[in-house]
Amino acid sequence: MWGQFIPQEGNVIDVTHIIPLEIHTDNVTDVACQGAHFDKVSGIWYTEPHELNGALRDYVYDTDNFNIVAPYYLVITSKMHCWSCHQITRIHGVMFTRFIKKNQDGQGWQSVRRNSFLFHINSLPEEIKKNIKASNYYLDKSKTTGLRYWMNHCEICGERLGDYELFCVENDAFRLMTIEKLLRANVRKVNKLFVSTAGESRRTYEKGYCALPVRCPLRHEWSGVRNNHTSHTIKILYT
């Protein structure tokens, strides 16, 4: 029976270095017997470098540098008026319902169960780039921070639509996105591990510190995703 989706943060995973594992349902018994660890809040399987053995090596997600891991992710595609040419353009965001994030001091990981957008993404593995499937979402230099991260661009004029404006300022975009607006958006679930580095372009803005790299902008909480819909009947297209 699927219970209510309750936002929560689990205990710190008191490990400095972890190795994410891409585990599917039919492999659970095997990897558990081989010493893999499962975090029940985030839904992440992982092992530590000194515990990695031949049986687990086939499940290792091949990446070296990361501070965010999610068991799956939602690609949200919405629309807004470009602030340069004022034409309507599609914009894309990556949302998690559960994930782990590395603590700012680099010691340990925090497991989180909460609807959150990820932004200021500094690096993406090739497989995730392909799964996002957005030609106007690519690595570029921010006018605001001067640093490079994956950002939206206007499909008409090519103007950079930076994450600070989309997630911290513009209510027309992803900031404070309501369930009603999500109902009108295209929501596509990718049932694959998400591993990336995000938040390296953090800075203090005039109105205070913008809490990166994740933000929970929803005014109402979802109940958990069940098959191809939530309790708010948001249509989920699976990949």
Protein backbone atom coordinates (compact mmCIF):
# COMPACT_ATOMS: atom_id res chain seq x y z
CA MET A 1 0.00 0.00 0.00
CA TRP A 2 1.48 3.35 -1.02
CA GLY A 3 1.58 5.75 1.93
CA GLN A 4 1.57 9.52 2.02
CA PHE A 5 4.72 11.24 0.78
CA ILE A 6 6.18 12.84 3.91
CA PRO A 7 9.10 15.27 3.42
CA GLN A 8 11.99 14.28 5.66
CA GLU A 9 15.72 14.38 6.05
CA GLY A 10 17.39 11.23 7.28
CA ASN A 11 20.46 10.78 9.38
CA VAL A 12 23.82 11.76 7.99
CA ILE A 13 25.57 8.93 6.15
CA ASP A 14 28.82 9.25 8.05
CA VAL A 15 31.08 8.32 5.15
CA THR A 16 33.35 10.76 3.31
CA HIS A 17 33.61 8.77 0.08
CA ILE A 18 30.85 6.63 -1.34
CA ILE A 19 30.48 4.73 -4.61
CA PRO A 20 26.91 4.92 -6.04
CA LEU A 21 25.51 1.63 -7.31
CA GLU A 22 22.98 1.26 -10.14
CA ILE A 23 20.78 -1.46 -8.64
CA HIS A 24 17.61 -2.85 -10.18
CA THR A 25 14.88 -4.72 -8.31
CA ASP A 26 15.91 -8.18 -9.47
CA ASN A 27 19.49 -7.61 -8.23
CA VAL A 28 18.67 -6.53 -4.67
CA THR A 29 19.21 -9.87 -2.96
CA ASP A 30 22.55 -10.44 -4.67
CA VAL A 31 24.05 -7.03 -3.89
CA ALA A 32 22.79 -7.05 -0.30
CA CYS A 33 24.58 -10.34 0.26
CA GLN A 34 27.75 -8.82 -1.21
CA GLY A 35 27.82 -5.97 1.31
CA ALA A 36 26.08 -3.11 -0.52
CA HIS A 37 24.39 -0.49 1.67
CA PHE A 38 20.88 0.89 1.17
CA ASP A 39 19.68 4.25 2.47
CA LYS A 40 15.91 3.92 2.96
CA VAL A 41 15.18 7.68 2.97
CA SER A 42 16.88 8.50 -0.33
CA GLY A 43 16.55 5.08 -1.96
CA ILE A 44 20.26 5.04 -2.84
CA TRP A 45 22.41 1.93 -2.97
CA TYR A 46 26.11 2.51 -2.35
CA THR A 47 29.34 1.00 -1.13
CA GLU A 48 32.57 2.38 0.28
CA PRO A 49 35.88 2.22 -1.62
CA HIS A 50 37.43 -0.29 0.78
CA GLU A 51 34.33 -2.51 0.51
CA LEU A 52 34.19 -2.66 -3.29
CA ASN A 53 34.56 -6.23 -4.50
CA GLY A 54 34.30 -8.05 -7.79
CA ALA A 55 30.60 -8.87 -7.31
CA LEU A 56 29.66 -5.18 -6.88
CA ARG A 57 31.97 -3.77 -9.54
CA ASP A 58 29.43 -4.39 -12.33
CA TYR A 59 26.92 -2.07 -10.60
CA VAL A 60 29.26 0.89 -10.05
CA TYR A 61 28.15 4.19 -11.60
CA ASP A 62 31.20 5.36 -13.51
CA THR A 63 31.93 8.91 -12.33
CA ASP A 64 34.64 10.44 -10.18
CA ASN A 65 33.39 13.82 -8.96
CA PHE A 66 29.87 14.36 -7.57
CA ASN A 67 27.96 15.82 -4.62
CA ILE A 68 24.37 14.87 -5.53
CA VAL A 69 22.94 11.38 -6.11
CA ALA A 70 19.28 10.48 -6.78
CA PRO A 71 17.76 7.05 -7.59
CA TYR A 72 15.68 8.61 -10.43
CA TYR A 73 14.78 12.09 -11.61
CA LEU A 74 11.99 14.11 -13.18
CA VAL A 75 12.62 16.37 -16.17
CA ILE A 76 10.13 19.25 -15.93
CA THR A 77 9.50 21.23 -19.14
CA SER A 78 7.51 24.44 -18.81
CA LYS A 79 7.21 27.71 -20.76
CA MET A 80 7.97 31.36 -20.03
CA HIS A 81 8.46 34.67 -21.82
CA CYS A 82 12.12 35.35 -22.63
CA TRP A 83 13.20 38.54 -20.87
CA SER A 84 15.22 39.58 -23.94
CA CYS A 85 12.98 39.00 -27.00
CA HIS A 86 9.74 38.53 -24.98
CA GLN A 87 8.78 35.47 -27.03
CA ILE A 88 7.57 32.23 -25.43
CA THR A 89 10.27 29.60 -24.97
CA ARG A 90 10.47 26.21 -23.32
CA ILE A 91 12.54 25.87 -20.15
CA HIS A 92 13.69 22.71 -18.41
CA GLY A 93 14.39 21.77 -14.82
CA VAL A 94 15.54 18.64 -13.00
CA MET A 95 13.48 17.64 -9.98
CA PHE A 96 14.05 15.00 -7.30
CA THR A 97 11.65 13.54 -4.78
CA ARG A 98 14.49 11.82 -2.88
CA PHE A 99 18.27 12.10 -3.01
CA ILE A 100 21.49 12.38 -1.03
CA LYS A 101 23.69 15.47 -0.97
CA LYS A 102 27.22 15.88 0.30
CA ASN A 103 27.54 18.03 3.40
CA GLN A 104 29.17 21.41 2.86
CA ASP A 105 32.10 20.47 5.09
CA GLY A 106 32.74 17.43 2.87
CA GLN A 107 32.23 15.06 5.81
CA GLY A 108 29.32 12.72 5.22
CA TRP A 109 26.11 12.81 3.18
CA GLN A 110 22.59 13.95 4.03
CA SER A 111 19.71 11.79 2.84
CA VAL A 112 16.61 13.78 1.85
CA ARG A 113 13.04 12.94 0.87
CA ARG A 114 11.50 16.15 -0.43
CA ASN A 115 10.33 17.60 -3.75
CA SER A 116 13.31 19.68 -4.87
CA PHE A 117 14.66 21.26 -8.03
CA LEU A 118 18.37 20.92 -8.69
CA PHE A 119 20.12 23.87 -10.28
CA HIS A 120 23.56 25.41 -10.82
CA ILE A 121 24.61 22.02 -12.20
CA ASN A 122 28.34 22.12 -12.93
CA SER A 123 28.80 18.71 -14.53
CA LEU A 124 26.60 16.04 -16.09
CA PRO A 125 27.54 12.54 -17.24
CA GLU A 126 26.93 11.93 -20.94
CA GLU A 127 24.03 9.53 -20.32
CA ILE A 128 22.13 12.12 -18.26
CA LYS A 129 22.68 14.80 -20.90
CA LYS A 130 21.02 12.54 -23.46
CA ASN A 131 18.12 11.70 -21.14
CA ILE A 132 17.27 15.36 -20.48
CA LYS A 133 16.65 15.70 -24.25
CA ALA A 134 16.70 19.50 -24.46
CA SER A 135 18.61 21.28 -27.23
CA ASN A 136 18.34 24.67 -25.48
CA TYR A 137 19.76 23.39 -22.17
CA TYR A 138 23.56 23.29 -22.21
CA LEU A 139 26.76 24.38 -20.47
CA ASP A 140 27.36 28.15 -20.61
CA LYS A 141 28.84 31.02 -18.61
CA SER A 142 26.50 32.89 -16.28
CA LYS A 143 26.25 36.67 -16.54
CA THR A 144 25.41 36.83 -12.84
CA THR A 145 28.05 34.58 -11.30
CA GLY A 146 30.66 34.54 -14.06
CA LEU A 147 30.88 30.76 -13.68
CA ARG A 148 29.87 27.95 -16.01
CA TYR A 149 26.96 25.62 -15.40
CA TRP A 150 24.14 23.91 -17.31
CA MET A 151 21.47 26.50 -18.11
CA ASN A 152 18.42 27.20 -20.24
CA HIS A 153 18.54 29.38 -23.36
CA CYS A 154 15.76 31.07 -25.28
CA GLU A 155 14.78 28.93 -28.27
CA ILE A 156 14.10 32.09 -30.33
CA CYS A 157 16.99 34.49 -29.66
CA GLY A 158 19.47 32.31 -27.77
CA GLU A 159 19.53 34.52 -24.66
CA ARG A 160 20.94 32.85 -21.55
CA LEU A 161 18.18 32.18 -19.01
CA GLY A 162 20.27 31.78 -15.89
CA ASP A 163 19.36 29.65 -12.90
CA TYR A 164 19.41 32.49 -10.39
CA GLU A 165 16.59 34.24 -12.24
CA LEU A 166 14.62 31.04 -12.91
CA PHE A 167 14.88 29.51 -9.43
CA CYS A 168 15.46 32.42 -7.06
CA VAL A 169 13.76 35.46 -8.62
CA GLU A 170 11.21 34.83 -11.39
CA ASN A 171 7.88 33.52 -10.09
CA ASP A 172 6.95 32.98 -13.75
CA ALA A 173 9.54 30.22 -14.02
CA PHE A 174 10.39 27.49 -11.46
CA ARG A 175 10.46 29.60 -8.28
CA LEU A 176 7.45 28.81 -6.09
CA MET A 177 6.03 26.57 -8.80
CA THR A 178 2.57 25.45 -7.79
CA ILE A 179 1.00 22.05 -8.29
CA GLU A 180 -1.43 23.74 -10.69
CA LYS A 181 1.45 24.88 -12.88
CA LEU A 182 3.06 21.44 -12.74
CA LEU A 183 -0.22 20.03 -14.02
CA ARG A 184 0.28 22.12 -17.15
CA ALA A 185 3.95 21.21 -17.52
CA ASN A 186 5.47 18.19 -19.22
CA VAL A 187 6.83 15.87 -16.52
CA ARG A 188 9.01 13.00 -17.63
CA LYS A 189 10.41 10.48 -15.17
CA VAL A 190 13.81 8.94 -15.95
CA ASN A 191 14.21 5.69 -14.04
CA LYS A 192 17.99 5.85 -13.91
CA LEU A 193 20.51 6.98 -11.33
CA PHE A 194 21.30 10.71 -11.34
CA VAL A 195 24.86 11.60 -10.30
CA SER A 196 26.32 15.09 -10.71
CA THR A 197 28.21 18.02 -9.25
CA ALA A 198 26.10 21.08 -8.45
CA GLY A 199 26.31 24.29 -6.47
CA GLU A 200 29.90 25.30 -7.21
CA SER A 201 28.64 28.68 -8.44
CA ARG A 202 27.13 29.63 -5.09
CA ARG A 203 27.42 33.22 -3.94
CA THR A 204 25.66 35.75 -1.74
CA TYR A 205 23.12 37.93 -3.50
CA GLU A 206 21.72 41.30 -2.49
CA LYS A 207 18.63 39.78 -0.87
CA GLY A 208 20.59 37.15 1.00
CA TYR A 209 22.05 33.75 0.45
CA CYS A 210 20.41 31.68 -2.26
CA ALA A 211 20.39 28.17 -0.83
CA LEU A 212 21.95 26.08 -3.57
CA PRO A 213 22.15 23.56 -5.11
CA VAL A 214 18.62 22.37 -4.29
CA ARG A 215 15.41 24.27 -3.70
CA CYS A 216 11.97 23.02 -2.71
CA PRO A 217 9.67 25.46 -4.52
CA LEU A 218 6.34 23.67 -4.29
CA ARG A 219 3.60 25.40 -2.33
CA HIS A 220 1.88 22.07 -1.72
CA GLU A 221 3.45 18.69 -1.04
CA TRP A 222 2.78 15.77 -3.35
CA SER A 223 1.78 12.36 -2.28
CA GLY A 224 4.23 9.81 -3.62
CA VAL A 225 4.51 8.90 -7.27
CA ARG A 226 2.41 5.83 -7.89
CA ASN A 227 2.68 4.08 -11.26
CA ASN A 228 2.21 6.89 -13.80
CA HIS A 229 0.59 9.55 -11.63
CA THR A 230 0.60 11.24 -8.23
CA SER A 231 -2.35 11.93 -5.99
CA HIS A 232 -2.60 15.26 -7.85
CA THR A 233 -2.82 13.32 -11.16
CA ILE A 234 0.29 14.87 -12.68
CA LYS A 235 0.98 12.88 -15.82
CA ILE A 236 4.41 11.27 -15.73
CA LEU A 237 6.01 10.10 -18.99
CA TYR A 238 8.53 7.38 -18.23
CA THR A 239 11.93 7.00 -19.88
